[in-house]
Amino acid sequence: ASWTVEANPGLEFENGVNFRLKWSRNFDRLDRETTIAGVAFPAGTYTFDDYAAEISTDRGKRISIEGSYTQGNFYDGMRRTIEAETTLKPMYRIRIGLNLTYNRLKRTQMPGAFWFDERWIPRFRFNYSFSPDMFISLFAQINTRRKAPTDHLEIKTLVSNFLFAYTMPQGHTFFLAYNQLTDDEFNPRGQRPLRPASQAIVAKFSYLFNL
């Protein structure tokens, strides 16, 4: 069983700037050890609060910014999350998005227990519209992580994606996508090079019947 109660007051200004504060109280009962966001938590009953502040500017502008800061308890640990995103529109056909997420979880240190998790996740997105009915999209994400304050950040995975989409005048649609995942898992020689772990090409065509 789980539940969440939250309050989310905010202000919206005439120039398109939005500012919000958030408080939430969370309850969750874990019947067994459960992995959440890549971290294993022991069975038990948890009640925890967190607080957040969010700000964003007018998305209709050539340059828009969004940011948030969250801090509070998370099950049996303390979590801090910072997220920042900038969207650029140098031309009406082009849209560029830059995003960075930082997440840190600290728990009471116990012998043999996993107590620290820190991640930096930068993302890049590029969209180009040939017309209102045809566009391409590129996306890339790097997942980095360290398990102790004194460790160096390690690149764990690279995610990349390409998408082409076209909607025909008759309403038919065609999509072509390429996805690739690169990770640093050990290979048979005991090395951890970044290499493609999975690749996929997906094509989809939807035909609209006019009955």
C-alpha atoms as a PDB file:
ATOM      1  CA  ALA A   1       0.000   0.000   0.000  1.00  0.00           C
ATOM      2  CA  SER A   2       1.178   3.520  -0.732  1.00  0.00           C
ATOM      3  CA  TRP A   3      -0.196   7.054  -0.782  1.00  0.00           C
ATOM      4  CA  THR A   4       0.998  10.624  -1.356  1.00  0.00           C
ATOM      5  CA  VAL A   5      -0.351  13.956  -0.083  1.00  0.00           C
ATOM      6  CA  GLU A   6       1.030  17.121  -1.629  1.00  0.00           C
ATOM      7  CA  ALA A   7       0.611  20.891  -1.784  1.00  0.00           C
ATOM      8  CA  ASN A   8       1.783  22.776  -4.867  1.00  0.00           C
ATOM      9  CA  PRO A   9       1.163  26.559  -4.700  1.00  0.00           C
ATOM     10  CA  GLY A  10       2.542  28.738  -7.475  1.00  0.00           C
ATOM     11  CA  LEU A  11       2.687  32.117  -9.176  1.00  0.00           C
ATOM     12  CA  GLU A  12       2.282  32.865 -12.884  1.00  0.00           C
ATOM     13  CA  PHE A  13       3.476  36.241 -14.176  1.00  0.00           C
ATOM     14  CA  GLU A  14       2.331  38.115 -17.280  1.00  0.00           C
ATOM     15  CA  ASN A  15       5.709  37.670 -18.970  1.00  0.00           C
ATOM     16  CA  GLY A  16       5.272  33.881 -18.910  1.00  0.00           C
ATOM     17  CA  VAL A  17       7.465  33.143 -15.900  1.00  0.00           C
ATOM     18  CA  ASN A  18       6.099  30.493 -13.530  1.00  0.00           C
ATOM     19  CA  PHE A  19       7.293  29.801  -9.991  1.00  0.00           C
ATOM     20  CA  ARG A  20       6.087  26.947  -7.787  1.00  0.00           C
ATOM     21  CA  LEU A  21       6.784  25.506  -4.364  1.00  0.00           C
ATOM     22  CA  LYS A  22       5.928  21.919  -3.541  1.00  0.00           C
ATOM     23  CA  TRP A  23       5.635  19.809  -0.409  1.00  0.00           C
ATOM     24  CA  SER A  24       4.720  16.145  -0.383  1.00  0.00           C
ATOM     25  CA  ARG A  25       4.351  13.439   2.242  1.00  0.00           C
ATOM     26  CA  ASN A  26       4.741   9.874   1.031  1.00  0.00           C
ATOM     27  CA  PHE A  27       3.860   6.530   2.579  1.00  0.00           C
ATOM     28  CA  ASP A  28       4.940   3.172   1.210  1.00  0.00           C
ATOM     29  CA  ARG A  29       5.026  -0.373   2.560  1.00  0.00           C
ATOM     30  CA  LEU A  30       7.582  -2.741   1.039  1.00  0.00           C
ATOM     31  CA  ASP A  31       6.815  -6.410   1.649  1.00  0.00           C
ATOM     32  CA  ARG A  32      10.301  -7.450   0.526  1.00  0.00           C
ATOM     33  CA  GLU A  33      13.569  -5.869  -0.544  1.00  0.00           C
ATOM     34  CA  THR A  34      12.726  -3.671  -3.514  1.00  0.00           C
ATOM     35  CA  THR A  35      14.916  -1.918  -6.070  1.00  0.00           C
ATOM     36  CA  ILE A  36      13.743   1.650  -6.776  1.00  0.00           C
ATOM     37  CA  ALA A  37      15.621   3.854  -9.258  1.00  0.00           C
ATOM     38  CA  GLY A  38      18.503   1.383  -9.204  1.00  0.00           C
ATOM     39  CA  VAL A  39      18.836   1.286  -5.391  1.00  0.00           C
ATOM     40  CA  ALA A  40      17.756  -1.647  -3.182  1.00  0.00           C
ATOM     41  CA  PHE A  41      15.673  -0.784  -0.102  1.00  0.00           C
ATOM     42  CA  PRO A  42      14.889  -3.317   2.654  1.00  0.00           C
ATOM     43  CA  ALA A  43      11.354  -4.408   3.491  1.00  0.00           C
ATOM     44  CA  GLY A  44       9.531  -2.134   5.915  1.00  0.00           C
ATOM     45  CA  THR A  45       7.090   0.744   6.327  1.00  0.00           C
ATOM     46  CA  TYR A  46       8.279   4.183   5.240  1.00  0.00           C
ATOM     47  CA  THR A  47       6.883   7.691   5.681  1.00  0.00           C
ATOM     48  CA  PHE A  48       8.955  10.527   4.249  1.00  0.00           C
ATOM     49  CA  ASP A  49       8.629  14.189   3.188  1.00  0.00           C
ATOM     50  CA  ASP A  50      10.299  16.202   0.447  1.00  0.00           C
ATOM     51  CA  TYR A  51      10.293  19.834  -0.667  1.00  0.00           C
ATOM     52  CA  ALA A  52      10.781  21.345  -4.111  1.00  0.00           C
ATOM     53  CA  ALA A  53      11.018  24.684  -5.917  1.00  0.00           C
ATOM     54  CA  GLU A  54      10.417  25.021  -9.659  1.00  0.00           C
ATOM     55  CA  ILE A  55      10.790  27.905 -12.105  1.00  0.00           C
ATOM     56  CA  SER A  56      10.171  28.182 -15.845  1.00  0.00           C
ATOM     57  CA  THR A  57      10.074  30.911 -18.476  1.00  0.00           C
ATOM     58  CA  ASP A  58       7.812  31.397 -21.517  1.00  0.00           C
ATOM     59  CA  ARG A  59       8.222  28.359 -23.802  1.00  0.00           C
ATOM     60  CA  GLY A  60       7.114  30.450 -26.766  1.00  0.00           C
ATOM     61  CA  LYS A  61      10.314  32.526 -26.656  1.00  0.00           C
ATOM     62  CA  ARG A  62      13.432  31.727 -28.673  1.00  0.00           C
ATOM     63  CA  ILE A  63      15.213  30.823 -25.445  1.00  0.00           C
ATOM     64  CA  SER A  64      13.342  29.258 -22.547  1.00  0.00           C
ATOM     65  CA  ILE A  65      14.634  27.887 -19.252  1.00  0.00           C
ATOM     66  CA  GLU A  66      13.225  25.437 -16.713  1.00  0.00           C
ATOM     67  CA  GLY A  67      14.763  24.445 -13.414  1.00  0.00           C
ATOM     68  CA  SER A  68      13.850  22.574 -10.243  1.00  0.00           C
ATOM     69  CA  TYR A  69      15.433  21.719  -6.898  1.00  0.00           C
ATOM     70  CA  THR A  70      14.144  18.908  -4.678  1.00  0.00           C
ATOM     71  CA  GLN A  71      15.409  17.851  -1.278  1.00  0.00           C
ATOM     72  CA  GLY A  72      14.085  15.616   1.460  1.00  0.00           C
ATOM     73  CA  ASN A  73      13.854  12.095   2.752  1.00  0.00           C
ATOM     74  CA  PHE A  74      13.553   9.135   0.397  1.00  0.00           C
ATOM     75  CA  TYR A  75      12.707   5.871   2.147  1.00  0.00           C
ATOM     76  CA  ASP A  76      15.637   5.358   4.566  1.00  0.00           C
ATOM     77  CA  GLY A  77      17.908   7.968   2.946  1.00  0.00           C
ATOM     78  CA  MET A  78      18.262  11.651   2.061  1.00  0.00           C
ATOM     79  CA  ARG A  79      17.807  12.683  -1.563  1.00  0.00           C
ATOM     80  CA  ARG A  80      18.737  15.820  -3.475  1.00  0.00           C
ATOM     81  CA  THR A  81      17.744  16.356  -7.104  1.00  0.00           C
ATOM     82  CA  ILE A  82      18.568  19.288  -9.381  1.00  0.00           C
ATOM     83  CA  GLU A  83      17.262  19.549 -12.920  1.00  0.00           C
ATOM     84  CA  ALA A  84      17.932  22.281 -15.481  1.00  0.00           C
ATOM     85  CA  GLU A  85      16.761  22.533 -19.077  1.00  0.00           C
ATOM     86  CA  THR A  86      17.334  25.103 -21.804  1.00  0.00           C
ATOM     87  CA  THR A  87      15.411  25.142 -25.083  1.00  0.00           C
ATOM     88  CA  LEU A  88      16.772  27.088 -28.059  1.00  0.00           C
ATOM     89  CA  LYS A  89      14.863  28.008 -31.224  1.00  0.00           C
ATOM     90  CA  PRO A  90      17.393  29.776 -33.482  1.00  0.00           C
ATOM     91  CA  MET A  91      15.052  29.298 -36.472  1.00  0.00           C
ATOM     92  CA  TYR A  92      11.385  28.425 -36.656  1.00  0.00           C
ATOM     93  CA  ARG A  93      12.306  25.036 -38.131  1.00  0.00           C
ATOM     94  CA  ILE A  94      14.931  24.145 -35.494  1.00  0.00           C
ATOM     95  CA  ARG A  95      14.495  23.278 -31.830  1.00  0.00           C
ATOM     96  CA  ILE A  96      17.429  22.332 -29.579  1.00  0.00           C
ATOM     97  CA  GLY A  97      17.038  21.057 -26.029  1.00  0.00           C
ATOM     98  CA  LEU A  98      19.803  20.740 -23.422  1.00  0.00           C
ATOM     99  CA  ASN A  99      18.986  19.046 -20.125  1.00  0.00           C
ATOM    100  CA  LEU A 100      21.025  18.096 -17.068  1.00  0.00           C
ATOM    101  CA  THR A 101      19.767  16.044 -14.117  1.00  0.00           C
ATOM    102  CA  TYR A 102      21.711  15.564 -10.886  1.00  0.00           C
ATOM    103  CA  ASN A 103      20.546  13.096  -8.262  1.00  0.00           C
ATOM    104  CA  ARG A 104      22.230  12.148  -4.997  1.00  0.00           C
ATOM    105  CA  LEU A 105      21.040   9.658  -2.387  1.00  0.00           C
ATOM    106  CA  LYS A 106      22.787   9.244   0.974  1.00  0.00           C
ATOM    107  CA  ARG A 107      21.816   6.596   3.510  1.00  0.00           C
ATOM    108  CA  THR A 108      22.959   5.647   6.984  1.00  0.00           C
ATOM    109  CA  GLN A 109      26.224   3.819   6.504  1.00  0.00           C
ATOM    110  CA  MET A 110      26.160   0.214   7.681  1.00  0.00           C
ATOM    111  CA  PRO A 111      28.751  -2.548   7.146  1.00  0.00           C
ATOM    112  CA  GLY A 112      28.118  -4.192   3.812  1.00  0.00           C
ATOM    113  CA  ALA A 113      25.225  -1.861   2.963  1.00  0.00           C
ATOM    114  CA  PHE A 114      24.959   0.311  -0.133  1.00  0.00           C
ATOM    115  CA  TRP A 115      24.803   3.826   1.242  1.00  0.00           C
ATOM    116  CA  PHE A 116      25.680   6.337  -1.480  1.00  0.00           C
ATOM    117  CA  ASP A 117      24.457   6.888  -5.024  1.00  0.00           C
ATOM    118  CA  GLU A 118      25.180   9.929  -7.196  1.00  0.00           C
ATOM    119  CA  ARG A 119      24.217  10.361 -10.835  1.00  0.00           C
ATOM    120  CA  TRP A 120      24.693  13.021 -13.503  1.00  0.00           C
ATOM    121  CA  ILE A 121      22.537  12.602 -16.609  1.00  0.00           C
ATOM    122  CA  PRO A 122      23.037  15.080 -19.492  1.00  0.00           C
ATOM    123  CA  ARG A 123      20.618  14.938 -22.433  1.00  0.00           C
ATOM    124  CA  PHE A 124      20.606  16.505 -25.896  1.00  0.00           C
ATOM    125  CA  ARG A 125      17.674  16.764 -28.289  1.00  0.00           C
ATOM    126  CA  PHE A 126      17.537  18.236 -31.804  1.00  0.00           C
ATOM    127  CA  ASN A 127      14.402  18.662 -33.929  1.00  0.00           C
ATOM    128  CA  TYR A 128      14.220  19.912 -37.507  1.00  0.00           C
ATOM    129  CA  SER A 129      10.881  20.442 -39.254  1.00  0.00           C
ATOM    130  CA  PHE A 130      10.929  20.335 -43.040  1.00  0.00           C
ATOM    131  CA  SER A 131       7.233  21.215 -42.947  1.00  0.00           C
ATOM    132  CA  PRO A 132       4.356  20.911 -40.472  1.00  0.00           C
ATOM    133  CA  ASP A 133       3.976  17.304 -41.689  1.00  0.00           C
ATOM    134  CA  MET A 134       7.614  16.141 -41.821  1.00  0.00           C
ATOM    135  CA  PHE A 135      10.394  16.284 -39.223  1.00  0.00           C
ATOM    136  CA  ILE A 136      13.481  14.534 -37.904  1.00  0.00           C
ATOM    137  CA  SER A 137      14.519  14.199 -34.268  1.00  0.00           C
ATOM    138  CA  LEU A 138      17.872  13.283 -32.691  1.00  0.00           C
ATOM    139  CA  PHE A 139      18.292  12.368 -29.030  1.00  0.00           C
ATOM    140  CA  ALA A 140      21.301  11.408 -26.915  1.00  0.00           C
ATOM    141  CA  GLN A 141      21.649  10.691 -23.191  1.00  0.00           C
ATOM    142  CA  ILE A 142      24.690   9.857 -21.051  1.00  0.00           C
ATOM    143  CA  ASN A 143      24.198   8.080 -17.730  1.00  0.00           C
ATOM    144  CA  THR A 144      27.056   8.548 -15.256  1.00  0.00           C
ATOM    145  CA  ARG A 145      27.259   7.249 -11.705  1.00  0.00           C
ATOM    146  CA  ARG A 146      29.478   6.893  -8.665  1.00  0.00           C
ATOM    147  CA  LYS A 147      28.920   4.763  -5.569  1.00  0.00           C
ATOM    148  CA  ALA A 148      31.153   6.626  -3.103  1.00  0.00           C
ATOM    149  CA  PRO A 149      31.963  10.325  -2.576  1.00  0.00           C
ATOM    150  CA  THR A 150      35.648   9.699  -3.365  1.00  0.00           C
ATOM    151  CA  ASP A 151      35.012   7.742  -6.581  1.00  0.00           C
ATOM    152  CA  HIS A 152      35.269   9.197 -10.068  1.00  0.00           C
ATOM    153  CA  LEU A 153      32.136   9.455 -12.171  1.00  0.00           C
ATOM    154  CA  GLU A 154      31.833   6.497 -14.530  1.00  0.00           C
ATOM    155  CA  ILE A 155      29.926   6.494 -17.794  1.00  0.00           C
ATOM    156  CA  LYS A 156      27.512   3.583 -17.441  1.00  0.00           C
ATOM    157  CA  THR A 157      25.387   3.842 -20.584  1.00  0.00           C
ATOM    158  CA  LEU A 158      24.926   5.950 -23.705  1.00  0.00           C
ATOM    159  CA  VAL A 159      21.474   6.099 -25.279  1.00  0.00           C
ATOM    160  CA  SER A 160      20.935   7.503 -28.774  1.00  0.00           C
ATOM    161  CA  ASN A 161      17.871   7.739 -30.970  1.00  0.00           C
ATOM    162  CA  PHE A 162      16.972   8.959 -34.469  1.00  0.00           C
ATOM    163  CA  LEU A 163      13.392   9.466 -35.650  1.00  0.00           C
ATOM    164  CA  PHE A 164      11.939  10.465 -39.021  1.00  0.00           C
ATOM    165  CA  ALA A 165       8.205  11.141 -39.212  1.00  0.00           C
ATOM    166  CA  TYR A 166       5.970  12.083 -42.141  1.00  0.00           C
ATOM    167  CA  THR A 167       2.211  12.617 -42.262  1.00  0.00           C
ATOM    168  CA  MET A 168       0.814  12.440 -45.780  1.00  0.00           C
ATOM    169  CA  PRO A 169      -1.965  14.753 -47.030  1.00  0.00           C
ATOM    170  CA  GLN A 170      -4.397  11.816 -46.946  1.00  0.00           C
ATOM    171  CA  GLY A 171      -3.681  11.308 -43.228  1.00  0.00           C
ATOM    172  CA  HIS A 172      -1.389   8.288 -43.634  1.00  0.00           C
ATOM    173  CA  THR A 173       1.724   8.336 -41.418  1.00  0.00           C
ATOM    174  CA  PHE A 174       5.200   6.864 -41.728  1.00  0.00           C
ATOM    175  CA  PHE A 175       7.794   6.566 -38.944  1.00  0.00           C
ATOM    176  CA  LEU A 176      11.386   5.364 -39.140  1.00  0.00           C
ATOM    177  CA  ALA A 177      13.412   5.073 -35.923  1.00  0.00           C
ATOM    178  CA  TYR A 178      16.895   3.878 -34.977  1.00  0.00           C
ATOM    179  CA  ASN A 179      17.784   3.190 -31.337  1.00  0.00           C
ATOM    180  CA  GLN A 180      21.145   2.257 -29.852  1.00  0.00           C
ATOM    181  CA  LEU A 181      22.265   1.447 -26.306  1.00  0.00           C
ATOM    182  CA  THR A 182      25.969   1.464 -25.401  1.00  0.00           C
ATOM    183  CA  ASP A 183      27.098   0.227 -21.993  1.00  0.00           C
ATOM    184  CA  ASP A 184      30.251  -0.601 -20.024  1.00  0.00           C
ATOM    185  CA  GLU A 185      29.403  -4.132 -18.915  1.00  0.00           C
ATOM    186  CA  PHE A 186      32.257  -6.605 -18.663  1.00  0.00           C
ATOM    187  CA  ASN A 187      33.081  -8.496 -21.843  1.00  0.00           C
ATOM    188  CA  PRO A 188      34.417 -12.099 -21.906  1.00  0.00           C
ATOM    189  CA  ARG A 189      37.979 -10.730 -21.493  1.00  0.00           C
ATOM    190  CA  GLY A 190      37.082  -8.931 -18.279  1.00  0.00           C
ATOM    191  CA  GLN A 191      37.238  -5.477 -19.881  1.00  0.00           C
ATOM    192  CA  ARG A 192      34.631  -2.736 -19.602  1.00  0.00           C
ATOM    193  CA  PRO A 193      34.789  -0.835 -22.888  1.00  0.00           C
ATOM    194  CA  LEU A 194      31.834   1.236 -24.024  1.00  0.00           C
ATOM    195  CA  ARG A 195      30.368  -0.770 -26.862  1.00  0.00           C
ATOM    196  CA  PRO A 196      26.914  -1.210 -28.441  1.00  0.00           C
ATOM    197  CA  ALA A 197      24.781  -3.534 -26.333  1.00  0.00           C
ATOM    198  CA  SER A 198      21.621  -3.332 -28.425  1.00  0.00           C
ATOM    199  CA  GLN A 199      20.498  -1.756 -31.673  1.00  0.00           C
ATOM    200  CA  ALA A 200      17.097  -1.605 -33.299  1.00  0.00           C
ATOM    201  CA  ILE A 201      15.558  -0.191 -36.455  1.00  0.00           C
ATOM    202  CA  VAL A 202      11.797   0.254 -36.429  1.00  0.00           C
ATOM    203  CA  ALA A 203       9.613   1.280 -39.368  1.00  0.00           C
ATOM    204  CA  LYS A 204       5.888   1.889 -39.059  1.00  0.00           C
ATOM    205  CA  PHE A 205       3.300   2.839 -41.668  1.00  0.00           C
ATOM    206  CA  SER A 206      -0.297   3.666 -40.769  1.00  0.00           C
ATOM    207  CA  TYR A 207      -2.906   3.720 -43.521  1.00  0.00           C
ATOM    208  CA  LEU A 208      -6.080   5.697 -42.933  1.00  0.00           C
ATOM    209  CA  PHE A 209      -9.179   4.249 -44.579  1.00  0.00           C
ATOM    210  CA  ASN A 210     -11.890   6.733 -45.546  1.00  0.00           C
ATOM    211  CA  LEU A 211     -15.130   4.815 -45.158  1.00  0.00           C
END
